[in-house]
Amino acid sequence: MGTRFNMILEDRQYAFLTAESERLSVSVAELIRRSVDSTFGLVENRKTPGLEVSIGVWRRPDAAVVGRRPGIRLSR
């Protein structure tokens, strides 16, 4: 069980939180909890659905890339 407290927000902050809560289908309280966790690094193995994409571009492939891809040769 958690601790309950009162908070006063500016109108623009409350409007943003209510719009986000409707968009994400979660409560305003859950948005605030998530914000505190992510801001202060309190996340304990929580998994958020999503996708991470990394792209790399090289002029010449290094030995590690050559070793993983057949048909590419490293010229010197």
N, C-alpha and C. Protein backbone atom coordinates (compact mmCIF):
# COMPACT_ATOMS: atom_id res chain seq x y z
N MET A 1 0.84 -1.18 0.00
CA MET A 1 0.00 0.00 0.00
C MET A 1 0.88 1.23 0.00
N GLY A 2 0.44 2.25 -0.68
CA GLY A 2 1.22 3.46 -0.82
C GLY A 2 0.82 4.54 0.17
N THR A 3 1.44 5.68 0.01
CA THR A 3 1.16 6.85 0.84
C THR A 3 0.36 7.84 0.02
N ARG A 4 -0.65 8.38 0.61
CA ARG A 4 -1.51 9.35 -0.07
C ARG A 4 -1.09 10.76 0.33
N PHE A 5 -1.05 11.66 -0.66
CA PHE A 5 -0.76 13.06 -0.37
C PHE A 5 -1.47 13.96 -1.36
N ASN A 6 -1.58 15.24 -1.02
CA ASN A 6 -2.24 16.23 -1.88
C ASN A 6 -1.19 17.04 -2.62
N MET A 7 -1.55 17.45 -3.83
CA MET A 7 -0.62 18.21 -4.66
C MET A 7 -1.41 19.28 -5.41
N ILE A 8 -0.84 20.46 -5.51
CA ILE A 8 -1.48 21.53 -6.27
C ILE A 8 -0.71 21.70 -7.57
N LEU A 9 -1.42 21.57 -8.69
CA LEU A 9 -0.82 21.71 -10.01
C LEU A 9 -1.33 22.98 -10.67
N GLU A 10 -0.54 23.52 -11.58
CA GLU A 10 -1.02 24.62 -12.39
C GLU A 10 -2.04 24.06 -13.38
N ASP A 11 -2.90 24.93 -13.89
CA ASP A 11 -3.93 24.49 -14.83
C ASP A 11 -3.33 23.80 -16.06
N ARG A 12 -2.23 24.35 -16.59
CA ARG A 12 -1.61 23.76 -17.78
C ARG A 12 -1.04 22.38 -17.47
N GLN A 13 -0.52 22.18 -16.26
CA GLN A 13 0.03 20.87 -15.89
C GLN A 13 -1.09 19.84 -15.77
N TYR A 14 -2.18 20.23 -15.14
CA TYR A 14 -3.31 19.32 -14.98
C TYR A 14 -3.94 18.98 -16.34
N ALA A 15 -4.04 19.97 -17.21
CA ALA A 15 -4.61 19.72 -18.54
C ALA A 15 -3.73 18.75 -19.31
N PHE A 16 -2.41 18.91 -19.22
CA PHE A 16 -1.50 18.00 -19.91
C PHE A 16 -1.64 16.59 -19.35
N LEU A 17 -1.65 16.45 -18.03
CA LEU A 17 -1.75 15.13 -17.42
C LEU A 17 -3.06 14.43 -17.75
N THR A 18 -4.16 15.15 -17.74
CA THR A 18 -5.43 14.51 -18.07
C THR A 18 -5.49 14.10 -19.54
N ALA A 19 -4.93 14.92 -20.42
CA ALA A 19 -4.90 14.56 -21.85
C ALA A 19 -4.03 13.32 -22.06
N GLU A 20 -2.86 13.27 -21.42
CA GLU A 20 -1.98 12.11 -21.54
C GLU A 20 -2.61 10.86 -20.93
N SER A 21 -3.31 11.02 -19.81
CA SER A 21 -3.93 9.86 -19.17
C SER A 21 -5.01 9.27 -20.07
N GLU A 22 -5.75 10.12 -20.76
CA GLU A 22 -6.76 9.62 -21.69
C GLU A 22 -6.11 8.96 -22.90
N ARG A 23 -5.03 9.57 -23.40
CA ARG A 23 -4.35 9.02 -24.57
C ARG A 23 -3.73 7.66 -24.27
N LEU A 24 -3.15 7.49 -23.08
CA LEU A 24 -2.48 6.25 -22.71
C LEU A 24 -3.39 5.26 -21.98
N SER A 25 -4.59 5.68 -21.66
CA SER A 25 -5.56 4.85 -20.92
C SER A 25 -5.03 4.42 -19.56
N VAL A 26 -4.42 5.36 -18.85
CA VAL A 26 -3.97 5.13 -17.48
C VAL A 26 -4.43 6.32 -16.64
N SER A 27 -4.40 6.16 -15.34
CA SER A 27 -4.84 7.24 -14.47
C SER A 27 -3.76 8.32 -14.37
N VAL A 28 -4.17 9.51 -13.94
CA VAL A 28 -3.22 10.60 -13.71
C VAL A 28 -2.24 10.19 -12.62
N ALA A 29 -2.71 9.50 -11.60
CA ALA A 29 -1.83 9.04 -10.53
C ALA A 29 -0.75 8.10 -11.06
N GLU A 30 -1.11 7.21 -11.98
CA GLU A 30 -0.12 6.30 -12.56
C GLU A 30 0.91 7.07 -13.38
N LEU A 31 0.48 8.10 -14.11
CA LEU A 31 1.43 8.94 -14.84
C LEU A 31 2.42 9.61 -13.90
N ILE A 32 1.94 10.10 -12.78
CA ILE A 32 2.82 10.75 -11.81
C ILE A 32 3.78 9.74 -11.21
N ARG A 33 3.29 8.52 -10.87
CA ARG A 33 4.18 7.48 -10.35
C ARG A 33 5.26 7.12 -11.36
N ARG A 34 4.88 6.96 -12.62
CA ARG A 34 5.85 6.64 -13.68
C ARG A 34 6.88 7.76 -13.83
N SER A 35 6.42 9.00 -13.75
CA SER A 35 7.34 10.14 -13.87
C SER A 35 8.35 10.17 -12.74
N VAL A 36 7.90 9.92 -11.53
CA VAL A 36 8.81 9.90 -10.38
C VAL A 36 9.82 8.76 -10.54
N ASP A 37 9.35 7.58 -10.94
CA ASP A 37 10.24 6.43 -11.13
C ASP A 37 11.31 6.72 -12.17
N SER A 38 10.90 7.24 -13.32
CA SER A 38 11.87 7.46 -14.40
C SER A 38 12.79 8.65 -14.11
N THR A 39 12.28 9.68 -13.47
CA THR A 39 13.10 10.87 -13.18
C THR A 39 14.17 10.57 -12.16
N PHE A 40 13.84 9.79 -11.14
CA PHE A 40 14.77 9.54 -10.05
C PHE A 40 15.39 8.14 -10.10
N GLY A 41 15.18 7.42 -11.18
CA GLY A 41 15.81 6.12 -11.35
C GLY A 41 15.33 5.06 -10.38
N LEU A 42 14.05 5.07 -10.07
CA LEU A 42 13.50 4.12 -9.11
C LEU A 42 12.89 2.90 -9.78
N VAL A 43 13.13 2.72 -11.06
CA VAL A 43 12.53 1.62 -11.80
C VAL A 43 13.16 0.31 -11.36
N GLU A 44 12.34 -0.64 -10.94
CA GLU A 44 12.81 -1.94 -10.48
C GLU A 44 12.36 -3.02 -11.44
N ASN A 45 13.10 -3.22 -12.49
CA ASN A 45 12.83 -4.26 -13.47
C ASN A 45 11.43 -4.16 -14.08
N ARG A 46 10.91 -2.97 -14.18
CA ARG A 46 9.62 -2.80 -14.86
C ARG A 46 9.89 -2.82 -16.35
N LYS A 47 9.02 -3.45 -17.07
CA LYS A 47 9.17 -3.51 -18.52
C LYS A 47 8.09 -2.68 -19.17
N THR A 48 8.51 -1.80 -20.05
CA THR A 48 7.59 -0.97 -20.80
C THR A 48 7.60 -1.45 -22.24
N PRO A 49 6.44 -1.73 -22.80
CA PRO A 49 6.44 -2.18 -24.18
C PRO A 49 6.99 -1.09 -25.10
N GLY A 50 7.82 -1.51 -26.02
CA GLY A 50 8.38 -0.55 -26.95
C GLY A 50 9.40 -1.21 -27.86
N LEU A 51 10.06 -0.42 -28.64
CA LEU A 51 11.01 -0.91 -29.62
C LEU A 51 12.20 0.04 -29.65
N GLU A 52 13.40 -0.52 -29.65
CA GLU A 52 14.59 0.29 -29.76
C GLU A 52 15.29 -0.09 -31.05
N VAL A 53 15.67 0.90 -31.82
CA VAL A 53 16.33 0.67 -33.10
C VAL A 53 17.67 1.40 -33.09
N SER A 54 18.72 0.69 -33.49
CA SER A 54 20.05 1.28 -33.61
C SER A 54 20.54 1.07 -35.04
N ILE A 55 21.12 2.11 -35.60
CA ILE A 55 21.62 2.04 -36.96
C ILE A 55 23.06 2.55 -36.96
N GLY A 56 23.93 1.83 -37.64
CA GLY A 56 25.31 2.25 -37.76
C GLY A 56 25.72 2.32 -39.22
N VAL A 57 26.57 3.29 -39.53
CA VAL A 57 27.05 3.45 -40.90
C VAL A 57 28.57 3.54 -40.85
N TRP A 58 29.22 2.71 -41.67
CA TRP A 58 30.67 2.70 -41.72
C TRP A 58 31.12 2.87 -43.16
N ARG A 59 32.25 3.53 -43.35
CA ARG A 59 32.86 3.58 -44.69
C ARG A 59 33.44 2.23 -45.04
N ARG A 60 34.17 1.66 -44.11
CA ARG A 60 34.77 0.34 -44.30
C ARG A 60 34.35 -0.52 -43.12
N PRO A 61 33.93 -1.73 -43.39
CA PRO A 61 33.55 -2.60 -42.27
C PRO A 61 34.79 -3.01 -41.48
N ASP A 62 34.63 -3.12 -40.17
CA ASP A 62 35.76 -3.57 -39.36
C ASP A 62 35.77 -5.10 -39.30
N ALA A 63 36.75 -5.67 -38.64
CA ALA A 63 36.92 -7.11 -38.60
C ALA A 63 35.72 -7.82 -37.97
N ALA A 64 35.08 -7.20 -36.99
CA ALA A 64 33.93 -7.84 -36.35
C ALA A 64 32.76 -7.98 -37.32
N VAL A 65 32.55 -6.98 -38.16
CA VAL A 65 31.47 -7.05 -39.14
C VAL A 65 31.81 -8.08 -40.21
N VAL A 66 33.05 -8.09 -40.65
CA VAL A 66 33.47 -9.04 -41.67
C VAL A 66 33.30 -10.46 -41.18
N GLY A 67 33.62 -10.70 -39.92
CA GLY A 67 33.51 -12.04 -39.36
C GLY A 67 32.08 -12.54 -39.28
N ARG A 68 31.12 -11.64 -39.19
CA ARG A 68 29.72 -12.05 -39.07
C ARG A 68 29.02 -12.16 -40.41
N ARG A 69 29.57 -11.54 -41.45
CA ARG A 69 28.89 -11.52 -42.74
C ARG A 69 29.70 -12.25 -43.80
N PRO A 70 29.16 -13.32 -44.32
CA PRO A 70 29.89 -14.01 -45.38
C PRO A 70 29.90 -13.18 -46.66
N GLY A 71 31.01 -13.24 -47.39
CA GLY A 71 31.08 -12.56 -48.68
C GLY A 71 31.66 -11.17 -48.60
N ILE A 72 31.83 -10.59 -47.42
CA ILE A 72 32.43 -9.26 -47.29
C ILE A 72 33.89 -9.44 -46.92
N ARG A 73 34.77 -8.79 -47.66
CA ARG A 73 36.19 -8.88 -47.37
C ARG A 73 36.73 -7.51 -46.97
N LEU A 74 37.63 -7.54 -46.05
CA LEU A 74 38.26 -6.31 -45.58
C LEU A 74 39.48 -6.04 -46.43
N SER A 75 39.49 -4.95 -47.19
CA SER A 75 40.64 -4.62 -48.03
C SER A 75 41.55 -3.66 -47.29
N ARG A 76 42.83 -3.79 -47.53
CA ARG A 76 43.79 -2.92 -46.85
C ARG A 76 44.48 -2.02 -47.79
